[in-house]
């Protein structure tokens, strides 16, 4: 049986997004717990911050070159988008 070790489990971009989300969640949870709210509320704040940070960092970190989005059709401005065409 051949093992597939050539392809990584996560892409570099995905790993970076998850790492940044976990770091921001840990910071939010730690600051909440240190602020006197207790461990349980600190954990909930950290989990919430992590969940909200994933889509945030996913949007602001540039997509990989192979997954570039296709350009808008001619005559359509970027603000209009394709649905208003």
N, C-alpha and C. Protein backbone atom coordinates (compact mmCIF):
# COMPACT_ATOMS: atom_id res chain seq x y z
N UNK A 1 0.84 -1.17 0.00
CA UNK A 1 0.00 0.00 0.00
C UNK A 1 0.89 1.24 0.00
N UNK A 2 0.62 2.14 -0.91
CA UNK A 2 1.43 3.33 -1.08
C UNK A 2 0.92 4.45 -0.18
N UNK A 3 1.81 5.14 0.49
CA UNK A 3 1.44 6.23 1.38
C UNK A 3 1.53 7.56 0.63
N UNK A 4 0.59 8.44 0.92
CA UNK A 4 0.60 9.75 0.28
C UNK A 4 1.23 10.76 1.23
N UNK A 5 2.51 10.95 1.12
CA UNK A 5 3.22 11.90 1.96
C UNK A 5 3.64 13.14 1.18
N UNK A 6 3.32 13.17 -0.08
CA UNK A 6 3.73 14.29 -0.92
C UNK A 6 2.86 15.53 -0.70
N UNK A 7 1.58 15.34 -0.43
CA UNK A 7 0.70 16.50 -0.28
C UNK A 7 0.51 16.82 1.21
N UNK A 8 0.57 18.09 1.56
CA UNK A 8 0.41 18.48 2.96
C UNK A 8 -1.05 18.40 3.40
N UNK A 9 -1.26 18.31 4.69
CA UNK A 9 -2.62 18.24 5.23
C UNK A 9 -3.34 19.58 5.05
N UNK A 10 -2.64 20.67 5.30
CA UNK A 10 -3.18 22.02 5.12
C UNK A 10 -2.26 22.83 4.22
N UNK A 11 -2.85 23.75 3.48
CA UNK A 11 -2.01 24.66 2.70
C UNK A 11 -1.37 25.66 3.66
N UNK A 12 -0.37 26.35 3.18
CA UNK A 12 0.32 27.34 4.00
C UNK A 12 -0.64 28.46 4.41
N UNK A 13 -1.50 28.88 3.51
CA UNK A 13 -2.46 29.93 3.80
C UNK A 13 -3.45 29.50 4.87
N UNK A 14 -3.96 28.28 4.78
CA UNK A 14 -4.90 27.77 5.78
C UNK A 14 -4.24 27.67 7.15
N UNK A 15 -3.01 27.20 7.17
CA UNK A 15 -2.30 27.10 8.44
C UNK A 15 -2.08 28.48 9.05
N UNK A 16 -1.77 29.47 8.23
CA UNK A 16 -1.56 30.82 8.72
C UNK A 16 -2.86 31.42 9.26
N UNK A 17 -3.97 31.21 8.56
CA UNK A 17 -5.26 31.72 9.01
C UNK A 17 -5.63 31.10 10.35
N UNK A 18 -5.47 29.79 10.48
CA UNK A 18 -5.81 29.12 11.74
C UNK A 18 -4.88 29.53 12.87
N UNK A 19 -3.60 29.70 12.57
CA UNK A 19 -2.65 30.12 13.60
C UNK A 19 -2.99 31.52 14.12
N UNK A 20 -3.25 32.45 13.22
CA UNK A 20 -3.60 33.80 13.64
C UNK A 20 -4.91 33.83 14.42
N UNK A 21 -5.88 33.02 14.00
CA UNK A 21 -7.15 32.96 14.71
C UNK A 21 -6.96 32.40 16.12
N UNK A 22 -6.14 31.35 16.25
CA UNK A 22 -5.88 30.78 17.57
C UNK A 22 -5.13 31.76 18.47
N UNK A 23 -4.18 32.48 17.91
CA UNK A 23 -3.44 33.46 18.69
C UNK A 23 -4.35 34.60 19.17
N UNK A 24 -5.22 35.08 18.31
CA UNK A 24 -6.12 36.15 18.72
C UNK A 24 -7.14 35.66 19.73
N UNK A 25 -7.59 34.42 19.59
CA UNK A 25 -8.51 33.85 20.58
C UNK A 25 -7.84 33.65 21.93
N UNK A 26 -6.59 33.22 21.92
CA UNK A 26 -5.86 33.05 23.18
C UNK A 26 -5.63 34.40 23.85
N UNK A 27 -5.32 35.41 23.07
CA UNK A 27 -5.12 36.75 23.63
C UNK A 27 -6.42 37.29 24.22
N UNK A 28 -7.53 37.13 23.51
CA UNK A 28 -8.80 37.62 24.01
C UNK A 28 -9.22 36.87 25.27
N UNK A 29 -9.05 35.56 25.27
CA UNK A 29 -9.40 34.77 26.45
C UNK A 29 -8.53 35.08 27.64
N UNK A 30 -7.25 35.23 27.39
CA UNK A 30 -6.33 35.55 28.47
C UNK A 30 -6.59 36.93 29.07
N UNK A 31 -6.84 37.90 28.22
CA UNK A 31 -7.13 39.25 28.72
C UNK A 31 -8.45 39.30 29.46
N UNK A 32 -9.43 38.52 29.00
CA UNK A 32 -10.72 38.48 29.69
C UNK A 32 -10.56 37.84 31.07
N UNK A 33 -9.82 36.75 31.14
CA UNK A 33 -9.61 36.09 32.43
C UNK A 33 -8.80 36.97 33.37
N UNK A 34 -7.79 37.66 32.85
CA UNK A 34 -7.00 38.56 33.69
C UNK A 34 -7.79 39.78 34.13
N UNK A 35 -8.80 40.13 33.38
CA UNK A 35 -9.63 41.28 33.72
C UNK A 35 -10.60 41.00 34.84
N UNK A 36 -10.60 39.80 35.38
CA UNK A 36 -11.44 39.48 36.52
C UNK A 36 -12.74 38.80 36.18
N UNK A 37 -12.92 38.37 34.96
CA UNK A 37 -14.17 37.72 34.57
C UNK A 37 -14.19 36.23 34.87
N UNK A 38 -13.08 35.65 35.23
CA UNK A 38 -13.04 34.23 35.55
C UNK A 38 -12.62 33.39 34.36
N UNK A 39 -12.31 32.15 34.66
CA UNK A 39 -11.79 31.24 33.64
C UNK A 39 -12.86 30.86 32.61
N UNK A 40 -14.07 30.59 33.07
CA UNK A 40 -15.13 30.14 32.16
C UNK A 40 -15.48 31.23 31.13
N UNK A 41 -15.62 32.45 31.60
CA UNK A 41 -15.94 33.53 30.66
C UNK A 41 -14.74 33.85 29.77
N UNK A 42 -13.54 33.69 30.29
CA UNK A 42 -12.36 33.88 29.47
C UNK A 42 -12.29 32.85 28.35
N UNK A 43 -12.64 31.61 28.68
CA UNK A 43 -12.65 30.55 27.67
C UNK A 43 -13.71 30.83 26.61
N UNK A 44 -14.89 31.23 27.04
CA UNK A 44 -15.94 31.56 26.06
C UNK A 44 -15.56 32.75 25.18
N UNK A 45 -14.92 33.74 25.77
CA UNK A 45 -14.48 34.89 24.98
C UNK A 45 -13.40 34.48 23.98
N UNK A 46 -12.49 33.61 24.40
CA UNK A 46 -11.45 33.13 23.50
C UNK A 46 -11.99 32.32 22.35
N UNK A 47 -12.95 31.44 22.64
CA UNK A 47 -13.56 30.63 21.58
C UNK A 47 -14.35 31.50 20.60
N UNK A 48 -15.04 32.50 21.14
CA UNK A 48 -15.79 33.41 20.28
C UNK A 48 -14.86 34.22 19.39
N UNK A 49 -13.79 34.73 19.97
CA UNK A 49 -12.83 35.50 19.19
C UNK A 49 -12.17 34.65 18.12
N UNK A 50 -11.87 33.39 18.45
CA UNK A 50 -11.28 32.49 17.45
C UNK A 50 -12.24 32.26 16.30
N UNK A 51 -13.51 32.00 16.62
CA UNK A 51 -14.50 31.77 15.57
C UNK A 51 -14.72 32.97 14.68
N UNK A 52 -14.66 34.16 15.24
CA UNK A 52 -14.84 35.37 14.44
C UNK A 52 -13.57 35.75 13.68
N UNK A 53 -12.42 35.32 14.17
CA UNK A 53 -11.15 35.68 13.53
C UNK A 53 -10.88 34.86 12.28
N UNK A 54 -11.42 33.66 12.20
CA UNK A 54 -11.16 32.81 11.03
C UNK A 54 -11.66 33.47 9.74
N UNK A 55 -12.94 33.88 9.66
CA UNK A 55 -13.35 34.55 8.40
C UNK A 55 -12.66 35.89 8.18
N UNK A 56 -12.33 36.59 9.28
CA UNK A 56 -11.63 37.87 9.14
C UNK A 56 -10.27 37.67 8.49
N UNK A 57 -9.45 36.78 9.04
CA UNK A 57 -8.12 36.55 8.47
C UNK A 57 -8.20 35.87 7.11
N UNK A 58 -9.23 35.07 6.89
CA UNK A 58 -9.41 34.44 5.59
C UNK A 58 -9.63 35.49 4.51
N UNK A 59 -10.31 36.57 4.86
CA UNK A 59 -10.56 37.64 3.88
C UNK A 59 -9.37 38.52 3.63
N UNK A 60 -8.58 38.82 4.69
CA UNK A 60 -7.53 39.80 4.50
C UNK A 60 -6.22 39.20 4.00
N UNK A 61 -6.04 37.90 4.16
CA UNK A 61 -4.82 37.27 3.65
C UNK A 61 -5.05 36.92 2.19
N UNK A 62 -4.14 37.35 1.34
CA UNK A 62 -4.29 37.17 -0.11
C UNK A 62 -4.38 35.70 -0.48
N UNK A 63 -5.23 35.42 -1.45
CA UNK A 63 -5.38 34.05 -1.94
C UNK A 63 -4.12 33.63 -2.69
N UNK A 64 -3.93 32.33 -2.79
CA UNK A 64 -2.76 31.80 -3.49
C UNK A 64 -2.88 32.09 -4.98
N UNK A 65 -1.77 32.09 -5.67
CA UNK A 65 -1.75 32.46 -7.08
C UNK A 65 -2.59 31.51 -7.93
N UNK A 66 -2.63 30.24 -7.61
CA UNK A 66 -3.41 29.28 -8.38
C UNK A 66 -4.90 29.44 -8.18
N UNK A 67 -5.30 30.07 -7.08
CA UNK A 67 -6.72 30.22 -6.76
C UNK A 67 -7.17 31.66 -6.95
N UNK A 68 -6.55 32.37 -7.87
CA UNK A 68 -6.90 33.78 -8.10
C UNK A 68 -8.31 33.87 -8.66
N UNK A 69 -9.01 34.92 -8.25
CA UNK A 69 -10.37 35.11 -8.72
C UNK A 69 -10.35 35.65 -10.14
N UNK A 70 -11.37 35.31 -10.89
CA UNK A 70 -11.44 35.79 -12.27
C UNK A 70 -11.82 37.26 -12.28
N UNK A 71 -11.32 38.02 -13.24
CA UNK A 71 -11.62 39.44 -13.30
C UNK A 71 -13.08 39.69 -13.68
N UNK A 72 -13.57 40.88 -13.34
CA UNK A 72 -14.94 41.27 -13.67
C UNK A 72 -15.05 41.48 -15.18
N UNK A 73 -16.24 41.27 -15.73
CA UNK A 73 -16.43 41.50 -17.17
C UNK A 73 -16.19 42.95 -17.53
N UNK A 74 -15.85 43.20 -18.78
CA UNK A 74 -15.58 44.56 -19.25
C UNK A 74 -16.83 45.42 -19.10
N UNK A 75 -16.64 46.64 -18.65
CA UNK A 75 -17.76 47.55 -18.49
C UNK A 75 -18.42 47.51 -17.13
N UNK A 76 -18.00 46.61 -16.26
CA UNK A 76 -18.58 46.50 -14.92
C UNK A 76 -17.52 46.94 -13.92
N UNK A 77 -17.87 47.90 -13.11
CA UNK A 77 -16.92 48.37 -12.12
C UNK A 77 -16.84 47.36 -10.97
N UNK A 78 -15.77 47.43 -10.20
CA UNK A 78 -15.58 46.49 -9.10
C UNK A 78 -16.63 46.69 -8.01
N UNK A 79 -17.14 47.90 -7.84
CA UNK A 79 -18.14 48.17 -6.82
C UNK A 79 -19.49 47.57 -7.17
N UNK A 80 -19.80 47.45 -8.46
CA UNK A 80 -21.08 46.92 -8.88
C UNK A 80 -21.18 45.41 -8.67
N UNK A 81 -20.12 44.69 -8.99
CA UNK A 81 -20.15 43.25 -8.89
C UNK A 81 -20.92 42.63 -10.06
N UNK A 82 -21.01 41.31 -10.05
CA UNK A 82 -21.66 40.61 -11.14
C UNK A 82 -23.18 40.53 -10.99
N UNK A 83 -23.68 40.64 -9.76
CA UNK A 83 -25.11 40.48 -9.55
C UNK A 83 -25.92 41.70 -9.98
N UNK A 84 -25.29 42.84 -10.15
CA UNK A 84 -26.00 44.05 -10.53
C UNK A 84 -25.92 44.31 -12.03
N UNK A 85 -25.31 43.40 -12.77
CA UNK A 85 -25.00 43.61 -14.16
C UNK A 85 -26.17 43.67 -15.04
